[in-house]
Amino acid sequence: MPRAHGRILMYHQGCHDGGTSKRAMLWSANFVLLLAALAFAPSASADQLGTSNVTFYPAGPPEVSLRLGGSFDYTWVFYNGETASVYVNLTADASSAGLAASASPSYVILEPGGSGQIVLRLTAPEEGMSRSGLVRIHLTAVNLLTNAVAQQDVTVASTLTGVSAAGDPVGKLLGIWPNPLPPPFDSKWAAFGVSIAIWVAIALGLRFVIDPLVKGVAGRTATKVDDIVLRILRWPVFVLVLLYGAVSSLGILGLPASWQRLLLSVYGFAIILLFTWVAYRIFRDVLVHYGKQVSKRTRRDVDERLIPALEKVGAVVIVFAGIVLAVQSLGYDITLFLAGFGVAGLVIAFAAQDTLSNFFAAMHLMLDRPFRVGDIIEIEDGVICRVEDIGLRSTKLYWGKSHDIIIMPNKELANRKIINYVRPDRRFITNVKVGVSYDCDLNKVRRLMTEVARSHPSVLKGPGFDPIWRVVDFADSAIVVMIIVWVDDVDHLWQLASDLRENVKKRFDEEGIEIPFPQRVVHLPDGPSSTYLGGSP
C-alpha cells in the first residue's frame, strides 16, 4: 500500500509539470476519488496491472460469503498512470465456487491520469450444497497508443452457504430422516407419499384428539371467550398443518428452484388469507359480540351507535389489509395502487366534506353526550323538543307544539347552545306569576298560593323543596307576586303550570282577592273630585 501510494504521487507530479491545466484538474479529482476509496476499503491492496503503469485495487473484502439466492457487487477501481489512453478489461470465472460472475461494464477506457471502475457481480444459485472455492479474475490493459498489452490474474476466496449434506431434504422422510423403506419404496416419491400421510395424521390428531381435550378444559372456565376462539381456530389450524406439510414435503422431490419459489409464494398467499379470515372472525365473534353485550348492560346510546359503525369499519380494514398483504406476497408491487387509492380518498373526502362533518359531529355527540334519546332539549327560544334518534348524519327531534319531527344535521346541532331539561336529573323548577290588587292582604295571598302549590301531586315537598313565594314588582295596576315550586318530573311541567294558575284563580275568587285588570286614575283640575276611568285592555 505505501509503494502504490508513492507511485500515485509521482504520477501526479509529472502530470502537473507537463500536462495542461485541464488534465491536471481531472487527475486531481480522480486522485481524491482514489484516496477516498482506499480510505473506506482498508482491506483492499493496490497493485500494478502486469507490466503497465495502470494501478488497480479491489474495493471489497478479501473473501466473499454468499447464501443461496444472494448476490454481491465487488467493485474494482483502476488508475491510469500511462501518458496515453488505456483500455482495461475484466473477466471472471466463478464456476469452481458454484457462483455466476458478470462484469458491468466489461471494460473501461482510462484517459491519462484518469480512473474508472468495473463492478463484478457474484450471484449464488437458488439451490445447492455448501462449498468453498476461488473466483478467478483476469485483468487486461491495452495501451491505445503503443498497443502494448499487460495482463494480470487475481483470485478471490468465496464461500457458498448452501444446504449441508445432512440437511438436504431430497428423498428423506419429512425432509429429515433417511428413507428406511425397502426397495422399491426407497425412492423420493415414496418418501414424499409417506411424509404426506404423516402430516395428514398429525392434522387429524389435532382436530379429533387434541381439540376435544382442549375444548373440555376450556369448558370448565367461567368465560366463554376461550370457547369461541377455539371454535374459530379449529379448522384454520387443521388447514394450516396440511398446507405446511404439503409444502415442506414437496422439497423431498427436489423440485427446481423456480417451482419452489412459486410454491412458497402460493403458500404465503394462502396463509395470509387464512390469518385474515381468523382475524375477522375473532373481531366479529369476540370483540363485537361482547361489545354489544356490554352496551346492553350499560344502556348507553353511544355504545349502541358506535359498535355497529366500528363493526363495519373494522371488517373493511381487516379485509383490505389482508388483500394487500396477500397480493404483496405474490411479488406484486402495489405501491402505485395504494398511492392512487390515497389520492382518490382525498378527492372523495373533499367531495363529501359535509357528510364527513356530520359523521364526526355524530361521533362528538355520542362521546360527549350533551343529550340522549328521550331527553327534552331546547334548541332555541320557544323550541322545546324531545330527542327521538341520533344518527350518523342527522338527529331527529319531536316538537310537540306542532306535532312535527325536526331533522337537524349533526354539524349544526353540535354548534348550537343546547338547554337540556333533564340534566342533571328530571326534576325541574318553575314559577307562576299573578297580579293582585294594591288593597289586598299580601300575607293572605302568600298563604293561599302556598297552599295551592303544596296540594298539587306533582310538586315536590320536604326539606329543600318547599314552595317559595316572592313579590316580583309593583306594576301600574297590580302587585306582581310569584310562587316558585319544584316539579317532580319535567314531563309534568306544562300541566303543573296550567293547574297552578287555574287553582290560584279559584282560591282568589273564593277568598275575595281581586286580580285587577289594567286601569288608570285621572284627576280633572276643574272638577270637585276625581273621576275614575277604567277599562280592560
Protein backbone atom coordinates (compact mmCIF):
# COMPACT_ATOMS: atom_id res chain seq x y z
CA MET A 1 0.00 0.00 0.00
CA PRO A 2 2.74 2.62 0.72
CA ARG A 3 4.55 1.73 -2.56
CA ALA A 4 1.40 2.28 -4.61
CA HIS A 5 0.63 5.49 -2.81
CA GLY A 6 4.16 6.83 -3.61
CA ARG A 7 3.75 5.90 -7.26
CA ILE A 8 0.47 7.81 -7.41
CA LEU A 9 2.21 10.91 -6.06
CA MET A 10 4.93 10.69 -8.75
CA TYR A 11 2.29 10.40 -11.48
CA HIS A 12 0.53 13.40 -10.11
CA GLN A 13 3.76 15.47 -10.18
CA GLY A 14 4.56 14.52 -13.78
CA CYS A 15 1.08 15.39 -14.94
CA HIS A 16 1.18 18.73 -13.19
CA ASP A 17 4.54 19.70 -14.74
CA GLY A 18 3.98 18.61 -18.35
CA GLY A 19 0.19 18.46 -18.87
CA THR A 20 -2.39 21.07 -19.41
CA SER A 21 -4.28 22.63 -16.53
CA LYS A 22 -7.46 20.84 -17.58
CA ARG A 23 -5.78 17.44 -17.41
CA ALA A 24 -4.27 18.32 -14.03
CA MET A 25 -7.68 19.17 -12.64
CA LEU A 26 -9.11 15.90 -13.96
CA TRP A 27 -6.28 13.89 -12.48
CA SER A 28 -6.62 15.69 -9.13
CA ALA A 29 -10.32 14.81 -8.95
CA ASN A 30 -9.61 11.16 -9.74
CA PHE A 31 -6.75 11.13 -7.26
CA VAL A 32 -9.08 12.35 -4.48
CA LEU A 33 -11.60 9.71 -5.51
CA LEU A 34 -8.95 7.02 -5.37
CA LEU A 35 -7.72 8.10 -1.93
CA ALA A 36 -11.26 8.17 -0.61
CA ALA A 37 -11.89 4.66 -1.92
CA LEU A 38 -8.67 3.46 -0.31
CA ALA A 39 -9.64 5.05 2.97
CA PHE A 40 -13.03 3.31 3.03
CA ALA A 41 -11.67 -0.04 1.84
CA PRO A 42 -8.80 -0.78 4.22
CA SER A 43 -8.83 -4.48 3.32
CA ALA A 44 -8.04 -3.74 -0.34
CA SER A 45 -4.46 -3.64 -1.64
CA ALA A 46 -3.42 -1.52 -4.62
CA ASP A 47 -1.17 -3.22 -7.18
CA GLN A 48 0.22 -2.74 -10.67
CA LEU A 49 -1.57 -4.40 -13.59
CA GLY A 50 1.15 -6.51 -15.21
CA THR A 51 3.92 -4.51 -16.86
CA SER A 52 1.75 -1.44 -17.37
CA ASN A 53 1.58 1.69 -15.30
CA VAL A 54 -2.08 1.02 -14.52
CA THR A 55 -2.83 0.63 -10.84
CA PHE A 56 -5.83 -1.38 -9.64
CA TYR A 57 -7.29 -2.47 -6.34
CA PRO A 58 -10.42 -4.41 -5.30
CA ALA A 59 -12.74 -2.27 -3.15
CA GLY A 60 -14.14 -5.23 -1.28
CA PRO A 61 -13.42 -7.89 1.32
CA PRO A 62 -10.67 -10.46 0.78
CA GLU A 63 -13.27 -13.24 0.98
CA VAL A 64 -16.88 -13.24 -0.24
CA SER A 65 -19.59 -15.24 1.55
CA LEU A 66 -22.98 -15.72 -0.13
CA ARG A 67 -26.17 -17.52 0.76
CA LEU A 68 -28.35 -19.34 -1.73
CA GLY A 69 -30.14 -16.86 -3.97
CA GLY A 70 -27.93 -13.95 -2.85
CA SER A 71 -25.63 -11.66 -4.81
CA PHE A 72 -22.68 -9.39 -4.11
CA ASP A 73 -21.26 -6.43 -6.08
CA TYR A 74 -17.44 -6.40 -5.99
CA THR A 75 -16.05 -3.04 -7.21
CA TRP A 76 -12.63 -2.84 -8.92
CA VAL A 77 -11.01 0.60 -9.22
CA PHE A 78 -8.35 1.35 -11.88
CA TYR A 79 -5.98 4.32 -12.23
CA ASN A 80 -4.14 5.13 -15.47
CA GLY A 81 -0.54 6.21 -14.87
CA GLU A 82 0.34 6.00 -18.55
CA THR A 83 0.83 9.03 -20.80
CA ALA A 84 -1.71 7.61 -23.26
CA SER A 85 -5.26 6.29 -23.02
CA VAL A 86 -5.60 2.71 -21.82
CA TYR A 87 -8.25 0.06 -22.49
CA VAL A 88 -8.94 -2.06 -19.36
CA ASN A 89 -10.98 -5.27 -19.47
CA LEU A 90 -12.16 -7.57 -16.66
CA THR A 91 -13.39 -11.16 -17.00
CA ALA A 92 -14.11 -13.66 -14.24
CA ASP A 93 -14.73 -17.36 -13.75
CA ALA A 94 -16.53 -18.36 -10.52
CA SER A 95 -17.71 -21.83 -11.52
CA SER A 96 -15.36 -23.55 -9.09
CA ALA A 97 -17.06 -21.67 -6.28
CA GLY A 98 -20.53 -22.52 -7.54
CA LEU A 99 -21.25 -18.89 -8.43
CA ALA A 100 -22.09 -16.91 -11.55
CA ALA A 101 -19.94 -13.87 -12.40
CA SER A 102 -20.67 -10.90 -14.65
CA ALA A 103 -18.85 -7.59 -15.10
CA SER A 104 -20.61 -4.26 -15.63
CA PRO A 105 -19.24 -2.66 -17.68
CA SER A 106 -16.98 -5.29 -19.14
CA TYR A 107 -14.30 -2.72 -19.96
CA VAL A 108 -13.38 0.93 -19.36
CA ILE A 109 -11.14 3.37 -21.26
CA LEU A 110 -8.98 5.48 -19.00
CA GLU A 111 -7.54 8.80 -20.02
CA PRO A 112 -4.01 9.64 -18.86
CA GLY A 113 -4.19 10.37 -15.16
CA GLY A 114 -7.81 9.18 -15.10
CA SER A 115 -9.54 6.49 -13.08
CA GLY A 116 -12.55 4.23 -13.51
CA GLN A 117 -14.24 1.22 -12.06
CA ILE A 118 -15.76 -2.09 -13.09
CA VAL A 119 -18.35 -3.83 -10.89
CA LEU A 120 -18.08 -7.61 -10.70
CA ARG A 121 -21.40 -9.13 -9.63
CA LEU A 122 -21.24 -12.55 -8.00
CA THR A 123 -24.59 -14.40 -7.88
CA ALA A 124 -25.35 -17.54 -5.88
CA PRO A 125 -27.76 -20.18 -7.22
CA GLU A 126 -31.23 -20.69 -5.77
CA GLU A 127 -30.38 -24.17 -4.57
CA GLY A 128 -27.24 -26.19 -3.96
CA MET A 129 -24.84 -27.55 -1.40
CA SER A 130 -22.39 -25.58 0.70
CA ARG A 131 -18.99 -25.19 -0.89
CA SER A 132 -15.89 -23.03 -0.98
CA GLY A 133 -13.72 -22.02 -3.91
CA LEU A 134 -11.86 -19.29 -5.74
CA VAL A 135 -13.18 -16.67 -8.12
CA ARG A 136 -10.56 -16.26 -10.86
CA ILE A 137 -10.39 -12.75 -12.28
CA HIS A 138 -8.43 -11.90 -15.43
CA LEU A 139 -7.42 -8.26 -16.00
CA THR A 140 -6.16 -6.92 -19.33
CA ALA A 141 -4.75 -3.44 -20.06
CA VAL A 142 -4.02 -2.25 -23.63
CA ASN A 143 -2.11 0.98 -24.31
CA LEU A 144 -4.10 2.56 -27.14
CA LEU A 145 -1.02 4.46 -28.36
CA THR A 146 1.58 1.67 -28.42
CA ASN A 147 -0.83 -1.34 -28.39
CA ALA A 148 1.22 -2.77 -25.53
CA VAL A 149 -0.76 -5.44 -23.68
CA ALA A 150 -0.46 -6.14 -19.96
CA GLN A 151 -2.30 -8.92 -18.11
CA GLN A 152 -2.85 -9.86 -14.51
CA ASP A 153 -4.70 -12.75 -12.82
CA VAL A 154 -6.27 -12.29 -9.39
CA THR A 155 -8.16 -14.74 -7.19
CA VAL A 156 -10.76 -14.02 -4.54
CA ALA A 157 -11.80 -16.63 -1.99
CA SER A 158 -15.54 -17.30 -1.78
CA THR A 159 -17.86 -19.39 0.34
CA LEU A 160 -21.35 -20.52 -0.68
CA THR A 161 -23.60 -21.13 2.32
CA GLY A 162 -25.94 -23.68 0.85
CA VAL A 163 -27.53 -26.80 2.23
CA SER A 164 -25.32 -29.26 4.01
CA ALA A 165 -25.45 -32.90 3.08
CA ALA A 166 -27.11 -33.68 6.38
CA GLY A 167 -29.73 -31.01 5.81
CA ASP A 168 -30.59 -31.95 2.20
CA PRO A 169 -34.30 -32.91 2.28
CA VAL A 170 -34.36 -34.75 -1.06
CA GLY A 171 -35.53 -38.34 -0.63
CA LYS A 172 -35.85 -38.12 3.18
CA LEU A 173 -38.89 -38.75 5.34
CA LEU A 174 -40.31 -35.37 6.38
CA GLY A 175 -37.13 -33.97 4.80
CA ILE A 176 -35.16 -35.01 7.91
CA TRP A 177 -34.57 -38.74 8.20
CA PRO A 178 -33.19 -41.11 5.54
CA ASN A 179 -35.82 -43.29 3.88
CA PRO A 180 -35.74 -46.69 5.68
CA LEU A 181 -38.25 -48.37 3.35
CA PRO A 182 -37.12 -51.41 1.36
CA PRO A 183 -36.98 -51.36 -2.44
CA PRO A 184 -38.87 -50.32 -4.48
CA PHE A 185 -40.16 -47.88 -1.83
CA ASP A 186 -36.78 -46.35 -1.15
CA SER A 187 -37.34 -43.65 -3.79
CA LYS A 188 -38.03 -39.97 -3.18
CA TRP A 189 -41.63 -40.41 -4.36
CA ALA A 190 -42.25 -43.00 -1.67
CA ALA A 191 -40.67 -40.71 0.92
CA PHE A 192 -42.94 -37.92 -0.32
CA GLY A 193 -46.08 -40.08 -0.01
CA VAL A 194 -45.16 -41.28 3.48
CA SER A 195 -44.40 -37.72 4.58
CA ILE A 196 -47.78 -36.50 3.31
CA ALA A 197 -49.50 -39.34 5.18
CA ILE A 198 -47.68 -38.39 8.39
CA TRP A 199 -48.74 -34.74 8.06
CA VAL A 200 -52.36 -35.75 7.43
CA ALA A 201 -52.24 -37.96 10.54
CA ILE A 202 -50.86 -35.04 12.58
CA ALA A 203 -53.63 -32.74 11.30
CA LEU A 204 -56.34 -35.32 12.09
CA GLY A 205 -54.86 -35.88 15.53
CA LEU A 206 -55.01 -32.16 16.26
CA ARG A 207 -58.60 -32.00 15.01
CA PHE A 208 -60.11 -35.08 16.63
CA VAL A 209 -57.86 -35.77 19.64
CA ILE A 210 -56.17 -32.61 20.87
CA ASP A 211 -59.09 -30.29 20.08
CA PRO A 212 -61.68 -32.19 22.23
CA LEU A 213 -59.23 -32.28 25.14
CA VAL A 214 -58.56 -28.55 24.96
CA LYS A 215 -62.28 -27.88 24.48
CA GLY A 216 -63.06 -29.86 27.65
CA VAL A 217 -60.57 -27.82 29.65
CA ALA A 218 -61.91 -24.54 28.23
CA GLY A 219 -65.48 -25.58 29.07
CA ARG A 220 -64.64 -25.54 32.78
CA THR A 221 -63.66 -21.87 32.74
CA ALA A 222 -66.11 -19.12 33.65
CA THR A 223 -65.59 -17.11 30.48
CA LYS A 224 -66.83 -18.13 27.04
CA VAL A 225 -64.09 -16.28 25.14
CA ASP A 226 -61.79 -19.31 25.02
CA ASP A 227 -64.64 -21.48 23.72
CA ILE A 228 -65.33 -19.04 20.89
CA VAL A 229 -61.64 -18.71 20.00
CA LEU A 230 -61.19 -22.49 19.93
CA ARG A 231 -64.22 -22.85 17.69
CA ILE A 232 -62.77 -20.26 15.30
CA LEU A 233 -59.27 -21.79 15.25
CA ARG A 234 -60.37 -25.41 14.85
CA TRP A 235 -60.44 -25.64 11.05
CA PRO A 236 -57.78 -22.98 10.31
CA VAL A 237 -55.22 -24.92 12.37
CA PHE A 238 -56.17 -28.12 10.54
CA VAL A 239 -55.74 -26.43 7.13
CA LEU A 240 -52.51 -24.70 8.24
CA VAL A 241 -50.89 -28.01 9.24
CA LEU A 242 -51.92 -29.60 5.94
CA LEU A 243 -50.56 -26.67 3.90
CA TYR A 244 -47.27 -26.63 5.77
CA GLY A 245 -46.93 -30.39 5.45
CA ALA A 246 -47.64 -30.31 1.72
CA VAL A 247 -45.15 -27.50 1.01
CA SER A 248 -42.39 -28.98 3.16
CA SER A 249 -42.95 -32.45 1.68
CA LEU A 250 -42.58 -31.12 -1.86
CA GLY A 251 -38.96 -30.31 -1.01
CA ILE A 252 -38.38 -34.07 -0.79
CA LEU A 253 -38.92 -34.35 -4.55
CA GLY A 254 -36.07 -31.93 -5.32
CA LEU A 255 -38.19 -29.60 -7.44
CA PRO A 256 -36.49 -26.88 -9.48
CA ALA A 257 -35.85 -23.59 -7.71
CA SER A 258 -38.41 -21.74 -9.85
CA TRP A 259 -41.10 -24.23 -8.80
CA GLN A 260 -40.11 -23.92 -5.17
CA ARG A 261 -40.37 -20.12 -5.33
CA LEU A 262 -43.80 -20.40 -6.92
CA LEU A 263 -44.97 -22.85 -4.24
CA LEU A 264 -43.68 -20.60 -1.47
CA SER A 265 -45.50 -17.62 -2.99
CA VAL A 266 -48.77 -19.55 -3.19
CA TYR A 267 -48.21 -20.87 0.34
CA GLY A 268 -47.64 -17.33 1.66
CA PHE A 269 -50.73 -16.09 -0.19
CA ALA A 270 -52.90 -18.84 1.32
CA ILE A 271 -51.51 -18.31 4.83
CA ILE A 272 -52.22 -14.57 4.74
CA LEU A 273 -55.79 -15.17 3.56
CA LEU A 274 -56.23 -17.75 6.31
CA PHE A 275 -54.98 -15.38 9.01
CA THR A 276 -57.18 -12.61 7.59
CA TRP A 277 -60.22 -14.84 7.95
CA VAL A 278 -59.23 -15.75 11.53
CA ALA A 279 -58.68 -12.08 12.43
CA TYR A 280 -62.09 -11.14 11.00
CA ARG A 281 -63.89 -13.94 12.87
CA ILE A 282 -62.23 -13.05 16.17
CA PHE A 283 -63.09 -9.38 15.63
CA ARG A 284 -66.71 -10.19 14.77
CA ASP A 285 -67.47 -13.05 17.16
CA VAL A 286 -65.44 -11.92 20.17
CA LEU A 287 -64.82 -8.19 20.22
CA VAL A 288 -68.04 -7.03 18.57
CA HIS A 289 -70.19 -9.66 20.24
CA TYR A 290 -69.02 -8.81 23.74
CA GLY A 291 -69.12 -5.11 22.92
CA LYS A 292 -72.83 -5.44 22.12
CA GLN A 293 -73.46 -7.31 25.35
CA VAL A 294 -71.68 -4.64 27.37
CA SER A 295 -73.67 -1.91 25.62
CA LYS A 296 -76.93 -3.67 26.55
CA ARG A 297 -75.91 -3.79 30.20
CA THR A 298 -74.79 -0.18 30.31
CA ARG A 299 -77.75 1.04 28.21
CA ARG A 300 -75.61 3.80 26.79
CA ASP A 301 -76.69 5.21 23.47
CA VAL A 302 -73.10 5.80 22.42
CA ASP A 303 -72.38 2.08 22.62
CA GLU A 304 -75.44 1.18 20.60
CA ARG A 305 -74.40 3.66 17.90
CA LEU A 306 -70.64 3.25 17.81
CA ILE A 307 -70.39 -0.54 17.93
CA PRO A 308 -72.29 -1.16 14.64
CA ALA A 309 -70.20 1.57 12.97
CA LEU A 310 -66.97 0.09 14.32
CA GLU A 311 -68.09 -3.36 13.21
CA LYS A 312 -68.41 -2.19 9.60
CA VAL A 313 -65.23 -0.12 9.60
CA GLY A 314 -63.22 -2.88 11.29
CA ALA A 315 -64.41 -5.50 8.82
CA VAL A 316 -63.43 -3.31 5.85
CA VAL A 317 -59.99 -2.53 7.33
CA ILE A 318 -59.19 -6.17 8.14
CA VAL A 319 -60.26 -7.46 4.72
CA PHE A 320 -58.48 -4.65 2.86
CA ALA A 321 -55.24 -5.16 4.81
CA GLY A 322 -55.41 -8.92 4.22
CA ILE A 323 -55.86 -8.50 0.47
CA VAL A 324 -52.99 -6.00 0.26
CA LEU A 325 -50.61 -8.29 2.16
CA ALA A 326 -51.71 -11.33 0.14
CA VAL A 327 -51.09 -9.59 -3.18
CA GLN A 328 -47.68 -8.34 -1.98
CA SER A 329 -46.74 -11.90 -1.01
CA LEU A 330 -47.09 -12.88 -4.68
CA GLY A 331 -44.38 -10.38 -5.58
CA TYR A 332 -46.57 -7.62 -6.97
CA ASP A 333 -45.72 -4.04 -6.12
CA ILE A 334 -48.93 -2.22 -5.23
CA THR A 335 -47.30 1.00 -4.07
CA LEU A 336 -48.77 2.92 -7.00
CA PHE A 337 -52.17 1.42 -6.33
CA LEU A 338 -52.05 2.49 -2.68
CA ALA A 339 -50.88 5.96 -3.67
CA GLY A 340 -53.74 6.24 -6.14
CA PHE A 341 -56.15 4.97 -3.51
CA GLY A 342 -54.91 7.66 -1.13
CA VAL A 343 -55.41 10.39 -3.75
CA ALA A 344 -58.89 9.05 -4.52
CA GLY A 345 -59.63 9.11 -0.79
CA LEU A 346 -58.67 12.78 -0.61
CA VAL A 347 -60.90 13.59 -3.58
CA ILE A 348 -63.81 11.74 -2.02
CA ALA A 349 -63.17 13.46 1.31
CA PHE A 350 -63.35 16.90 -0.32
CA ALA A 351 -66.47 15.98 -2.26
CA ALA A 352 -68.23 14.57 0.80
CA GLN A 353 -66.95 17.01 3.39
CA ASP A 354 -70.48 17.89 4.59
CA THR A 355 -71.28 14.22 5.10
CA LEU A 356 -68.00 13.66 6.88
CA SER A 357 -68.58 16.75 9.04
CA ASN A 358 -71.95 15.38 10.09
CA PHE A 359 -70.40 11.96 10.75
CA PHE A 360 -67.67 13.34 13.01
CA ALA A 361 -70.21 15.61 14.68
CA ALA A 362 -72.26 12.47 15.41
CA MET A 363 -69.16 10.90 16.99
CA HIS A 364 -68.76 14.05 19.09
CA LEU A 365 -72.39 13.97 20.20
CA MET A 366 -72.19 10.28 21.08
CA LEU A 367 -68.95 10.60 23.02
CA ASP A 368 -69.58 13.96 24.71
CA ARG A 369 -73.26 13.07 25.24
CA PRO A 370 -74.84 16.51 25.78
CA PHE A 371 -78.17 14.70 25.39
CA ARG A 372 -79.51 11.21 24.89
CA VAL A 373 -82.51 9.68 23.14
CA GLY A 374 -85.61 10.62 25.15
CA ASP A 375 -84.15 13.83 26.59
CA ILE A 376 -86.09 17.08 26.32
CA ILE A 377 -83.93 19.88 24.96
CA GLU A 378 -84.41 23.50 23.95
CA ILE A 379 -82.55 24.31 20.73
CA GLU A 380 -83.74 27.93 20.52
CA ASP A 381 -86.20 30.21 22.32
CA GLY A 382 -89.59 28.55 22.46
CA VAL A 383 -88.49 25.43 20.54
CA ILE A 384 -88.51 22.60 23.08
CA CYS A 385 -88.19 19.12 21.59
CA ARG A 386 -87.75 15.51 22.59
CA VAL A 387 -84.77 13.65 21.11
CA GLU A 388 -86.08 10.73 19.05
CA ASP A 389 -82.95 9.42 17.33
CA ILE A 390 -79.23 10.28 16.99
CA GLY A 391 -78.00 9.08 13.62
CA LEU A 392 -74.61 9.24 11.91
CA ARG A 393 -75.75 12.11 9.69
CA SER A 394 -78.67 13.81 11.46
CA THR A 395 -80.63 13.90 14.70
CA LYS A 396 -84.43 13.60 14.78
CA LEU A 397 -86.30 15.84 17.25
CA TYR A 398 -90.01 15.72 18.09
CA TRP A 399 -91.65 19.13 18.54
CA GLY A 400 -94.86 18.52 20.45
CA LYS A 401 -96.18 22.06 19.99
CA SER A 402 -96.89 21.44 16.31
CA HIS A 403 -96.57 17.64 16.27
CA ASP A 404 -93.59 17.77 13.91
CA ILE A 405 -90.31 15.90 13.52
CA ILE A 406 -87.34 18.24 13.10
CA ILE A 407 -84.44 16.59 11.24
CA MET A 408 -81.33 18.60 12.08
CA PRO A 409 -77.82 17.89 10.69
CA ASN A 410 -75.43 16.85 13.42
CA LYS A 411 -72.89 19.51 12.40
CA GLU A 412 -75.42 22.29 13.05
CA LEU A 413 -76.70 20.75 16.25
CA ALA A 414 -73.19 20.29 17.67
CA ASN A 415 -72.51 24.03 17.29
CA ARG A 416 -75.73 25.20 18.99
CA LYS A 417 -76.35 26.23 22.55
CA ILE A 418 -78.47 23.40 23.94
CA ILE A 419 -80.56 23.53 27.12
CA ASN A 420 -81.15 20.02 28.41
CA TYR A 421 -84.28 19.93 30.59
CA VAL A 422 -83.47 16.53 32.12
CA ARG A 423 -79.94 17.30 33.34
CA PRO A 424 -78.70 16.87 35.99
CA ASP A 425 -81.96 14.98 36.68
CA ARG A 426 -85.61 15.12 35.65
CA ARG A 427 -86.65 17.45 38.49
CA PHE A 428 -87.39 20.98 37.38
CA ILE A 429 -88.02 24.41 38.90
CA THR A 430 -90.88 26.52 37.54
CA ASN A 431 -92.87 29.54 38.68
CA VAL A 432 -96.32 31.08 38.30
CA LYS A 433 -96.80 34.85 38.39
CA VAL A 434 -100.03 36.70 39.14
CA GLY A 435 -101.00 40.30 39.78
CA VAL A 436 -103.13 41.21 42.88
CA SER A 437 -104.81 44.43 43.91
CA TYR A 438 -102.93 47.00 45.95
CA ASP A 439 -105.77 46.77 48.53
CA CYS A 440 -105.37 43.05 49.23
CA ASP A 441 -103.62 41.43 52.20
CA LEU A 442 -100.27 40.10 50.96
CA ASN A 443 -99.97 37.65 53.86
CA LYS A 444 -103.24 36.09 52.82
CA VAL A 445 -102.09 35.95 49.22
CA ARG A 446 -98.90 34.22 50.34
CA ARG A 447 -100.84 31.64 52.35
CA LEU A 448 -103.33 30.85 49.61
CA MET A 449 -100.74 30.46 46.86
CA THR A 450 -98.52 28.28 49.08
CA GLU A 451 -101.45 26.02 49.95
CA VAL A 452 -102.39 25.66 46.30
CA ALA A 453 -98.79 24.72 45.40
CA ARG A 454 -98.41 22.19 48.21
CA SER A 455 -101.68 20.48 47.35
CA HIS A 456 -100.62 19.59 43.82
CA PRO A 457 -99.29 15.99 43.49
CA SER A 458 -96.52 16.94 41.02
CA VAL A 459 -94.95 19.50 43.37
CA LEU A 460 -92.07 18.16 45.48
CA LYS A 461 -92.42 18.50 49.24
CA GLY A 462 -89.98 18.22 52.06
CA PRO A 463 -86.83 19.98 53.24
CA GLY A 464 -85.21 21.93 50.47
CA PHE A 465 -88.27 21.69 48.19
CA ASP A 466 -90.78 23.98 49.93
CA PRO A 467 -92.58 26.41 47.62
CA ILE A 468 -91.05 29.88 47.66
CA TRP A 469 -93.28 32.99 47.46
CA ARG A 470 -91.91 36.32 46.26
CA VAL A 471 -93.14 39.83 45.45
CA VAL A 472 -91.84 40.48 41.98
CA ASP A 473 -92.86 44.02 41.02
CA PHE A 474 -95.15 46.96 41.71
CA ALA A 475 -96.89 47.34 38.38
CA ASP A 476 -99.22 50.13 37.28
CA SER A 477 -102.39 48.29 38.18
CA ALA A 478 -101.28 45.41 40.42
CA ILE A 479 -98.67 43.99 42.72
CA VAL A 480 -96.96 41.14 40.81
CA VAL A 481 -96.28 38.10 43.03
CA MET A 482 -94.77 34.72 42.19
CA ILE A 483 -94.75 31.21 43.58
CA ILE A 484 -91.66 29.07 42.81
CA VAL A 485 -92.06 25.28 43.01
CA TRP A 486 -90.09 22.10 42.33
CA VAL A 487 -91.65 19.76 39.75
CA ASP A 488 -91.10 16.05 40.28
CA ASP A 489 -90.66 15.35 36.53
CA VAL A 490 -90.07 17.67 33.60
CA ASP A 491 -92.85 15.90 31.70
CA HIS A 492 -95.34 17.37 34.25
CA LEU A 493 -94.01 20.90 33.85
CA TRP A 494 -96.59 22.37 31.48
CA GLN A 495 -99.58 20.61 33.07
CA LEU A 496 -98.47 21.73 36.51
CA ALA A 497 -98.13 25.37 35.44
CA SER A 498 -101.64 25.30 33.99
CA ASP A 499 -103.10 23.63 37.13
CA LEU A 500 -101.48 26.15 39.43
CA ARG A 501 -102.85 29.11 37.50
CA GLU A 502 -106.32 27.59 37.45
CA ASN A 503 -106.33 26.70 41.17
CA VAL A 504 -104.93 30.08 42.21
CA LYS A 505 -107.75 31.81 40.29
CA LYS A 506 -110.37 29.65 42.02
CA ARG A 507 -108.98 30.28 45.53
CA PHE A 508 -108.68 34.02 44.92
CA ASP A 509 -112.30 34.13 43.81
CA GLU A 510 -113.38 32.20 46.89
CA GLU A 511 -111.41 34.45 49.24
CA GLY A 512 -112.35 37.70 47.50
CA ILE A 513 -108.86 38.59 46.33
CA GLU A 514 -109.00 40.72 43.23
CA ILE A 515 -106.81 40.12 40.21
CA PRO A 516 -107.06 43.60 38.69
CA PHE A 517 -107.03 44.46 35.05
CA PRO A 518 -105.05 47.49 33.85
CA GLN A 519 -106.68 50.77 34.96
CA ARG A 520 -105.76 54.44 35.21
CA VAL A 521 -106.96 57.24 37.61
CA VAL A 522 -107.30 60.74 36.04
CA HIS A 523 -107.70 63.94 38.10
CA LEU A 524 -109.60 66.80 36.34
CA PRO A 525 -108.45 70.28 37.50
CA ASP A 526 -111.94 71.93 37.25
CA GLY A 527 -113.97 69.23 38.84
CA PRO A 528 -114.81 68.98 42.51
CA SER A 529 -113.50 65.48 42.64
CA SER A 530 -111.53 62.96 40.65
CA THR A 531 -113.19 60.87 38.04
CA TYR A 532 -112.42 57.17 37.58
CA LEU A 533 -111.78 55.99 34.06
CA GLY A 534 -111.11 52.33 33.62
CA GLY A 535 -111.33 49.60 31.16
CA SER A 536 -109.90 46.38 30.03
CA PRO A 537 -107.03 46.34 27.54
